[in-house]
Structures are given as structure tokens and as C-alpha cells.
């Protein structure tokens, strides 16, 4: 495979992507993701990861359980720590060196997020997983992904989903839906595309960090994308 197009990436995964009907965290999916990430790491790409917690708890839906939104968001942040630890264990099973850093101190299991230390880990070839969101309520893990990408000077945010990009309509419901190959940030916001929230888009737009939405479940997709192949939808 040719020289990678991106030197440092921020990979955003949803918590729901780790779950199946029978498992909150499916070990088969974990293993697949770890193998795909290893392929990219083996190309010499520096990899940072942000993962959501929606398979365990979603702060935005806390009110339904009679839980205050702020409390619910902190619960959601802790869910991302659990998912991050699962991803970390799976990557280490592949023989990769990792560090997990969180915005909330959980020092028994991971390091606190310090920007310079995170960048040093990446330079040393370690995969860095960022947990606990931004450490603040009312911010999604999409916003966290954009923020951390900017802080660590990543070349791109890669948003792994179940579909191979952004479509004119939901491809799982509308057979006539077509895939966008490229969108501007302004178009993504004005069209009300729900791929990422407006804060995440705006952060990347203002700091000139492109976002690529792609199918993480297709084998080889991540490595192909990092190598510059036409995979997914570019938002820039």
C-alpha cells in the first residue's frame, strides 16, 4: 500500500457500534476494530481515538429516568471510559502500545488528559484513547473528537459509522438515496445533516480540520481511506 495521506488521525467511534442485540460490548466487533486500527498503525500513522458511550448510557436521555441532565452527562462520560478500556484491551491484544487519557481523573485506570503528554505518546507510536468527553456536561463525544483533534494537531477526523458516507436520505430506508463524495461545512450545517452536532462541525470548520464519514465495518476501509482512496464523504 502506498504512503499514507495522513500522518496523524483522530478516529471517532460510536458506543453503539460496539454493541449487538445480545452484547453491550461485543468482543467480535472489538476484535475487528482493533485489527483495522492495527493495519493503519502499521502504515506509520499516529492514531488517537474518541469513543462514545451510548451502548451503556446516554446522558441526553437521562431525563426519562428522572435523572438531572448534568448528572446524566457525567454518567455518560463514565460510560465512555468503560468503552475506552475495552478498546484499549483489544488493541493491546493485537500487540499495540496504548495510553488512555481522560478529562475526568480516574487515576487508578488511566492518565489525566494533558495535551503535551498526549502528543508525546503519539510521537512514540502509542495509540491514545481519549475518554470522559470534554469533562463538561452538554458536550457530545463528537464535539470531543473535534476538540481533541485540534488540540493534538491531527490531520483529519475520521467518523466511523455503519454506512459508507453521507447520503441525500437514509440509505437504509430510501433506495434512491445517493452518497455525497464531498460537502462543505456550511452545506452540512445548512442541510441539517445529523452526522455530527453543530458544535463539532463549527470547531473543525474554524480550525480547518476536515472530517471524513465512512463505513468502519467494511474490512480494509480504514487503511484505504488513510492511504488516500475515495472512501466515504469528505466534509471540509
Protein backbone atom coordinates (compact mmCIF):
# COMPACT_ATOMS: atom_id res chain seq x y z
CA UNK A 1 0.00 0.00 0.00
CA UNK A 2 1.24 3.49 -0.86
CA UNK A 3 2.49 6.16 1.55
CA UNK A 4 -0.36 7.25 3.84
CA UNK A 5 -2.06 10.55 3.06
CA UNK A 6 -2.48 11.39 6.76
CA UNK A 7 0.26 11.32 9.38
CA UNK A 8 -1.95 11.73 12.46
CA UNK A 9 -5.65 10.86 12.66
CA UNK A 10 -8.44 11.16 15.21
CA UNK A 11 -10.80 8.20 14.86
CA UNK A 12 -14.30 8.76 16.27
CA UNK A 13 -16.34 5.64 17.05
CA UNK A 14 -19.83 5.45 18.49
CA UNK A 15 -20.52 3.39 21.58
CA UNK A 16 -23.48 1.77 19.80
CA UNK A 17 -21.12 0.40 17.14
CA UNK A 18 -19.60 -1.90 19.78
CA UNK A 19 -22.92 -3.47 20.74
CA UNK A 20 -25.12 -6.16 19.26
CA UNK A 21 -28.55 -7.42 20.34
CA UNK A 22 -27.00 -9.85 22.77
CA UNK A 23 -23.92 -7.93 23.96
CA UNK A 24 -23.38 -4.42 25.36
CA UNK A 25 -19.76 -4.72 24.19
CA UNK A 26 -19.41 -7.41 21.53
CA UNK A 27 -15.91 -8.98 21.64
CA UNK A 28 -16.10 -9.89 17.94
CA UNK A 29 -16.67 -6.27 16.90
CA UNK A 30 -13.94 -5.12 19.31
CA UNK A 31 -11.53 -7.54 17.70
CA UNK A 32 -12.46 -6.42 14.17
CA UNK A 33 -11.94 -2.76 15.04
CA UNK A 34 -8.61 -3.47 16.72
CA UNK A 35 -7.40 -5.37 13.64
CA UNK A 36 -8.41 -2.47 11.35
CA UNK A 37 -6.68 0.07 13.58
CA UNK A 38 -3.53 -2.09 13.63
CA UNK A 39 -3.38 -2.04 9.81
CA UNK A 40 -3.32 1.75 9.88
CA UNK A 41 -0.81 1.90 12.73
CA UNK A 42 1.45 -0.48 10.79
CA UNK A 43 1.49 2.07 7.94
CA UNK A 44 3.20 4.51 10.33
CA UNK A 45 0.09 6.58 11.05
CA UNK A 46 -0.29 8.09 14.53
CA UNK A 47 -3.73 7.17 15.89
CA UNK A 48 -5.91 8.81 18.54
CA UNK A 49 -9.40 7.54 19.34
CA UNK A 50 -12.55 9.03 20.86
CA UNK A 51 -15.40 6.64 21.57
CA UNK A 52 -18.96 7.37 22.68
CA UNK A 53 -20.85 5.68 25.50
CA UNK A 54 -24.34 5.29 24.02
CA UNK A 55 -24.33 1.48 24.28
CA UNK A 56 -24.08 1.83 28.08
CA UNK A 57 -25.69 5.16 28.96
CA UNK A 58 -26.67 8.28 27.03
CA UNK A 59 -26.69 11.49 29.06
CA UNK A 60 -29.18 13.22 26.76
CA UNK A 61 -31.87 10.64 27.61
CA UNK A 62 -31.27 10.79 31.38
CA UNK A 63 -34.44 12.84 31.95
CA UNK A 64 -36.58 9.82 31.01
CA UNK A 65 -35.14 8.02 34.02
CA UNK A 66 -35.78 11.02 36.26
CA UNK A 67 -32.07 11.91 36.32
CA UNK A 68 -30.87 15.51 36.13
CA UNK A 69 -29.25 16.26 32.73
CA UNK A 70 -25.90 17.30 34.22
CA UNK A 71 -25.73 14.16 36.37
CA UNK A 72 -26.74 12.10 33.34
CA UNK A 73 -23.98 13.62 31.22
CA UNK A 74 -21.37 12.70 33.85
CA UNK A 75 -22.75 9.16 33.85
CA UNK A 76 -22.36 9.16 30.06
CA UNK A 77 -18.75 10.31 30.41
CA UNK A 78 -18.02 7.36 32.69
CA UNK A 79 -19.62 5.05 30.10
CA UNK A 80 -17.04 6.28 27.55
CA UNK A 81 -14.29 5.31 30.00
CA UNK A 82 -15.63 1.74 30.13
CA UNK A 83 -15.76 1.55 26.33
CA UNK A 84 -12.30 3.09 26.07
CA UNK A 85 -10.88 0.48 28.42
CA UNK A 86 -12.46 -2.26 26.29
CA UNK A 87 -10.92 -0.81 23.11
CA UNK A 88 -7.58 -0.46 24.90
CA UNK A 89 -7.58 -4.11 25.97
CA UNK A 90 -8.46 -5.22 22.45
CA UNK A 91 -5.68 -3.13 20.88
CA UNK A 92 -3.13 -4.47 23.36
CA UNK A 93 -4.21 -7.99 22.45
CA UNK A 94 -3.03 -7.06 18.92
CA UNK A 95 0.39 -6.20 20.37
CA UNK A 96 -0.08 -2.43 20.18
CA UNK A 97 1.07 0.03 22.81
CA UNK A 98 -1.68 2.27 24.13
CA UNK A 99 -2.44 5.02 26.59
CA UNK A 100 -5.87 6.03 27.83
CA UNK A 101 -6.34 9.63 28.92
CA UNK A 102 -9.49 11.08 30.45
CA UNK A 103 -10.92 14.54 31.03
CA UNK A 104 -12.13 13.41 34.48
CA UNK A 105 -9.50 11.98 36.81
CA UNK A 106 -9.79 8.19 37.09
CA UNK A 107 -6.17 7.66 38.01
CA UNK A 108 -6.50 4.02 39.03
CA UNK A 109 -7.11 3.06 35.39
CA UNK A 110 -5.88 5.89 33.14
CA UNK A 111 -3.94 9.14 32.88
CA UNK A 112 -5.49 12.60 33.11
CA UNK A 113 -5.60 14.38 29.74
CA UNK A 114 -2.54 16.61 29.30
CA UNK A 115 -2.12 17.86 25.74
CA UNK A 116 1.67 17.79 25.57
CA UNK A 117 1.80 14.30 27.09
CA UNK A 118 -0.81 13.06 24.59
CA UNK A 119 1.24 14.39 21.69
CA UNK A 120 4.38 12.77 23.08
CA UNK A 121 2.61 9.40 23.33
CA UNK A 122 1.56 9.71 19.68
CA UNK A 123 5.10 10.61 18.60
CA UNK A 124 6.33 7.47 20.36
CA UNK A 125 3.90 5.33 18.36
CA UNK A 126 1.37 4.72 21.12
CA UNK A 127 -2.34 4.73 20.33
CA UNK A 128 -4.05 7.28 22.56
CA UNK A 129 -7.68 6.82 23.62
CA UNK A 130 -9.48 9.87 24.98
CA UNK A 131 -12.27 9.16 27.46
CA UNK A 132 -14.80 11.07 29.56
CA UNK A 133 -15.66 13.52 26.81
CA UNK A 134 -14.53 17.11 27.39
CA UNK A 135 -15.12 16.71 31.12
CA UNK A 136 -18.09 19.06 30.86
CA UNK A 137 -21.84 18.38 30.59
CA UNK A 138 -23.81 19.38 27.47
CA UNK A 139 -20.96 18.43 25.12
CA UNK A 140 -21.18 15.35 22.91
CA UNK A 141 -18.35 12.96 22.11
CA UNK A 142 -18.50 14.32 18.53
CA UNK A 143 -17.54 17.72 19.94
CA UNK A 144 -14.86 15.96 22.00
CA UNK A 145 -13.47 14.36 18.83
CA UNK A 146 -13.24 17.74 17.08
CA UNK A 147 -11.69 19.43 20.12
CA UNK A 148 -9.09 16.73 20.73
CA UNK A 149 -8.22 16.59 17.01
CA UNK A 150 -7.50 20.32 17.06
CA UNK A 151 -5.51 20.09 20.30
CA UNK A 152 -3.25 17.26 19.11
CA UNK A 153 -2.92 18.79 15.62
CA UNK A 154 -4.48 15.81 13.85
CA UNK A 155 -4.69 15.98 10.05
CA UNK A 156 -8.28 14.72 9.92
CA UNK A 157 -11.23 13.48 11.97
CA UNK A 158 -12.45 10.08 10.75
CA UNK A 159 -16.01 9.32 11.84
CA UNK A 160 -16.64 5.57 11.64
CA UNK A 161 -20.29 4.64 11.07
CA UNK A 162 -22.40 1.76 9.71
CA UNK A 163 -22.86 3.39 6.27
CA UNK A 164 -20.25 4.31 3.68
CA UNK A 165 -20.65 8.08 3.92
CA UNK A 166 -23.26 10.83 3.97
CA UNK A 167 -26.35 10.36 1.81
CA UNK A 168 -29.13 12.57 0.46
CA UNK A 169 -31.51 10.46 2.59
CA UNK A 170 -31.26 7.48 4.93
CA UNK A 171 -29.93 4.71 2.61
CA UNK A 172 -31.39 2.05 4.92
CA UNK A 173 -34.87 3.46 4.27
CA UNK A 174 -34.64 5.14 0.84
CA UNK A 175 -33.31 3.09 -2.10
CA UNK A 176 -32.89 6.25 -4.24
CA UNK A 177 -30.51 7.91 -1.74
CA UNK A 178 -27.13 8.83 -3.23
CA UNK A 179 -23.79 9.34 -1.48
CA UNK A 180 -22.11 12.72 -1.32
CA UNK A 181 -18.39 12.47 -2.08
CA UNK A 182 -17.73 15.96 -0.74
CA UNK A 183 -19.61 18.57 1.29
CA UNK A 184 -18.59 21.92 2.72
CA UNK A 185 -19.10 22.52 6.44
CA UNK A 186 -21.68 25.18 5.57
CA UNK A 187 -23.65 22.67 3.47
CA UNK A 188 -23.51 20.03 6.20
CA UNK A 189 -24.85 22.52 8.75
CA UNK A 190 -27.49 24.13 6.48
CA UNK A 191 -28.81 20.74 5.30
CA UNK A 192 -29.26 19.76 8.96
CA UNK A 193 -27.24 16.57 8.46
CA UNK A 194 -27.18 14.69 11.75
CA UNK A 195 -23.79 13.05 11.28
CA UNK A 196 -22.21 15.24 13.95
CA UNK A 197 -23.59 18.08 16.02
CA UNK A 198 -23.17 21.72 15.00
CA UNK A 199 -20.53 22.40 17.67
CA UNK A 200 -18.34 19.61 16.28
CA UNK A 201 -18.71 20.92 12.71
CA UNK A 202 -18.03 24.51 13.75
CA UNK A 203 -14.88 23.62 15.71
CA UNK A 204 -13.43 21.78 12.70
CA UNK A 205 -14.54 24.49 10.26
CA UNK A 206 -12.91 27.29 12.27
CA UNK A 207 -9.67 25.32 12.65
CA UNK A 208 -9.55 23.87 9.13
CA UNK A 209 -9.68 20.21 10.17
CA UNK A 210 -11.51 18.04 7.59
CA UNK A 211 -13.96 15.31 8.61
CA UNK A 212 -14.45 12.07 6.69
CA UNK A 213 -17.53 9.94 7.37
CA UNK A 214 -17.02 6.29 6.37
CA UNK A 215 -18.10 2.69 6.99
CA UNK A 216 -15.90 1.33 9.78
CA UNK A 217 -17.40 -2.15 9.49
CA UNK A 218 -16.07 -2.85 5.99
CA UNK A 219 -12.75 -4.67 6.15
CA UNK A 220 -9.81 -2.61 4.85
CA UNK A 221 -11.82 0.61 4.63
CA UNK A 222 -9.86 2.50 7.27
CA UNK A 223 -6.47 1.69 5.75
CA UNK A 224 -7.74 2.53 2.25
CA UNK A 225 -9.09 5.88 3.44
CA UNK A 226 -5.84 6.79 5.22
CA UNK A 227 -3.96 5.92 2.04
CA UNK A 228 -5.98 8.49 0.10
CA UNK A 229 -8.53 6.30 -1.65
CA UNK A 230 -12.05 7.58 -2.35
CA UNK A 231 -13.79 6.21 0.72
CA UNK A 232 -16.73 7.85 2.48
CA UNK A 233 -17.74 11.52 2.38
CA UNK A 234 -15.28 14.35 2.90
CA UNK A 235 -16.53 17.42 4.77
CA UNK A 236 -14.14 20.35 4.54
